[in-house]
Amino acid sequence: MDAVVKWTGPGTMGFLAETGSGHLLAMDGAVAGGGRDLAPRPMETVLAGAGACSAYDVVAILVRSGQDVRGCEVAMHAERAATDPKVFTRIEMRYRVRGRGLKPNLVQRAVELSRDKYCSAIAMLARTAEIAVDWEVLED
């Protein structure tokens, strides 16, 4: 996996990343830190990436289990260390999985498998952060 990150230049704290798959991702800093607040902060993209990585696992596991999944979202809240490096110290992940006739035990198992076995991003973040998960099933 590859990526190239380029600073957008003097007077900014913006960055453009081009991923190995050829996609672009913009990031920016807060105004207080010299940014223009035009895009997500880099650490926000780390948190969002972990949520997407895990949601991908949950959906794939449920589809393979024959479940009629219609939607999946992960609401996340992270706490960071007070001093540098300001790593994540706790991440709360609330999964809302929508579908028709979803079996709650299979949703729970999919969430746990993602957290404990499959999600690469969570595995890395779990080295510094407690990862708390909760889930709910919504009938579509």
Protein backbone atom coordinates (compact mmCIF):
# COMPACT_ATOMS: atom_id res chain seq x y z
CA MET A 1 0.00 0.00 0.00
CA ASP A 2 1.36 3.40 -0.96
CA ALA A 3 0.49 7.06 -0.50
CA VAL A 4 2.11 10.39 -1.23
CA VAL A 5 1.27 13.35 1.02
CA LYS A 6 2.06 16.86 -0.18
CA TRP A 7 1.95 20.08 1.84
CA THR A 8 -0.15 22.70 0.06
CA GLY A 9 2.49 25.37 0.66
CA PRO A 10 3.53 28.45 2.61
CA GLY A 11 0.87 30.09 4.73
CA THR A 12 -1.09 26.87 5.04
CA MET A 13 -1.24 23.71 7.10
CA GLY A 14 -3.11 21.85 4.39
CA PHE A 15 -2.08 18.54 2.89
CA LEU A 16 -3.19 16.53 -0.12
CA ALA A 17 -2.70 12.79 -0.11
CA GLU A 18 -2.79 10.66 -3.22
CA THR A 19 -3.37 7.03 -2.38
CA GLY A 20 -1.87 4.07 -4.17
CA SER A 21 -5.27 3.45 -5.75
CA GLY A 22 -5.15 6.94 -7.27
CA HIS A 23 -7.63 8.71 -4.99
CA LEU A 24 -7.17 12.11 -3.40
CA LEU A 25 -7.71 13.03 0.23
CA ALA A 26 -7.52 16.59 1.53
CA MET A 27 -6.57 17.37 5.14
CA ASP A 28 -6.15 20.70 6.91
CA GLY A 29 -5.32 22.10 10.31
CA ALA A 30 -7.35 24.28 12.62
CA VAL A 31 -7.06 28.04 12.21
CA ALA A 32 -5.37 28.22 15.63
CA GLY A 33 -2.63 25.94 14.30
CA GLY A 34 -2.06 27.81 11.05
CA GLY A 35 -4.61 25.94 8.95
CA ARG A 36 -7.63 27.26 7.12
CA ASP A 37 -10.09 24.65 8.44
CA LEU A 38 -10.99 23.54 4.90
CA ALA A 39 -10.83 19.77 5.40
CA PRO A 40 -10.67 17.13 8.15
CA ARG A 41 -7.72 17.09 10.51
CA PRO A 42 -5.24 14.26 9.92
CA MET A 43 -6.21 12.50 13.17
CA GLU A 44 -9.87 12.76 12.23
CA THR A 45 -9.05 10.84 9.06
CA VAL A 46 -7.34 8.16 11.18
CA LEU A 47 -10.48 7.81 13.32
CA ALA A 48 -12.80 7.81 10.30
CA GLY A 49 -10.59 5.26 8.55
CA ALA A 50 -10.86 2.92 11.53
CA GLY A 51 -14.64 3.26 11.49
CA ALA A 52 -14.84 2.56 7.77
CA CYS A 53 -12.44 -0.39 8.05
CA SER A 54 -14.54 -1.95 10.79
CA ALA A 55 -17.90 -1.21 9.11
CA TYR A 56 -16.53 -2.89 5.98
CA ASP A 57 -15.79 -6.02 8.03
CA VAL A 58 -19.20 -6.01 9.72
CA VAL A 59 -21.10 -5.68 6.44
CA ALA A 60 -18.97 -8.35 4.71
CA ILE A 61 -19.38 -10.81 7.60
CA LEU A 62 -23.14 -10.30 7.75
CA VAL A 63 -23.58 -10.64 3.98
CA ARG A 64 -21.54 -13.87 4.05
CA SER A 65 -23.82 -15.05 6.87
CA GLY A 66 -26.85 -14.58 4.63
CA GLN A 67 -28.16 -11.50 6.42
CA ASP A 68 -30.19 -8.87 4.52
CA VAL A 69 -28.10 -5.83 5.49
CA ARG A 70 -29.43 -2.47 4.25
CA GLY A 71 -27.26 -0.02 6.16
CA CYS A 72 -24.40 0.26 8.60
CA GLU A 73 -23.06 3.29 10.39
CA VAL A 74 -20.52 3.66 13.15
CA ALA A 75 -20.73 6.69 15.45
CA MET A 76 -17.38 7.22 17.10
CA HIS A 77 -15.94 9.24 19.95
CA ALA A 78 -12.24 9.29 20.73
CA GLU A 79 -10.23 10.64 23.62
CA ARG A 80 -6.59 11.59 23.21
CA ALA A 81 -3.61 11.85 25.51
CA ALA A 82 -3.04 15.31 26.98
CA THR A 83 0.65 15.38 26.03
CA ASP A 84 2.61 14.63 22.85
CA PRO A 85 2.31 12.30 21.13
CA LYS A 86 -1.42 12.84 21.57
CA VAL A 87 -2.37 9.25 20.77
CA PHE A 88 -5.90 7.98 21.08
CA THR A 89 -6.42 6.57 24.58
CA ARG A 90 -10.07 5.50 24.30
CA ILE A 91 -12.33 5.00 21.31
CA GLU A 92 -16.06 4.34 21.64
CA MET A 93 -17.73 2.82 18.59
CA ARG A 94 -21.53 2.57 18.32
CA TYR A 95 -22.67 0.44 15.36
CA ARG A 96 -26.17 0.92 13.95
CA VAL A 97 -26.90 -1.90 11.55
CA ARG A 98 -30.11 -1.76 9.48
CA GLY A 99 -31.68 -4.59 7.60
CA ARG A 100 -34.55 -6.98 7.25
CA GLY A 101 -34.80 -9.75 9.80
CA LEU A 102 -31.24 -9.33 11.05
CA LYS A 103 -30.27 -11.75 13.79
CA PRO A 104 -28.89 -9.75 16.74
CA ASN A 105 -26.46 -12.52 17.71
CA LEU A 106 -24.91 -12.43 14.22
CA VAL A 107 -24.59 -8.63 14.35
CA GLN A 108 -22.89 -8.86 17.74
CA ARG A 109 -20.55 -11.56 16.47
CA ALA A 110 -19.67 -9.51 13.35
CA VAL A 111 -18.84 -6.45 15.48
CA GLU A 112 -16.71 -8.52 17.85
CA LEU A 113 -14.89 -10.30 15.01
CA SER A 114 -14.06 -6.97 13.41
CA ARG A 115 -12.76 -5.50 16.67
CA ASP A 116 -10.89 -8.59 17.86
CA LYS A 117 -9.66 -10.23 14.66
CA TYR A 118 -10.14 -8.60 11.27
CA CYS A 119 -9.91 -4.79 11.42
CA SER A 120 -6.29 -3.78 10.83
CA ALA A 121 -6.92 -0.17 11.85
CA ILE A 122 -8.47 -1.14 15.17
CA ALA A 123 -5.61 -3.57 15.82
CA MET A 124 -3.12 -0.72 15.46
CA LEU A 125 -5.13 1.79 17.50
CA ALA A 126 -5.75 -0.79 20.25
CA ARG A 127 -2.05 -0.59 21.11
CA THR A 128 -2.68 2.78 22.75
CA ALA A 129 -6.46 3.01 23.09
CA GLU A 130 -9.15 1.07 24.85
CA ILE A 131 -11.69 0.15 22.17
CA ALA A 132 -15.28 0.03 23.46
CA VAL A 133 -18.01 -1.21 21.13
CA ASP A 134 -21.77 -1.18 21.32
CA TRP A 135 -24.31 -2.05 18.65
CA GLU A 136 -27.96 -1.92 17.78
CA VAL A 137 -30.11 -3.52 15.10
CA LEU A 138 -32.66 -1.40 13.26
CA GLU A 139 -35.39 -3.06 11.22
CA ASP A 140 -35.64 -1.67 7.70
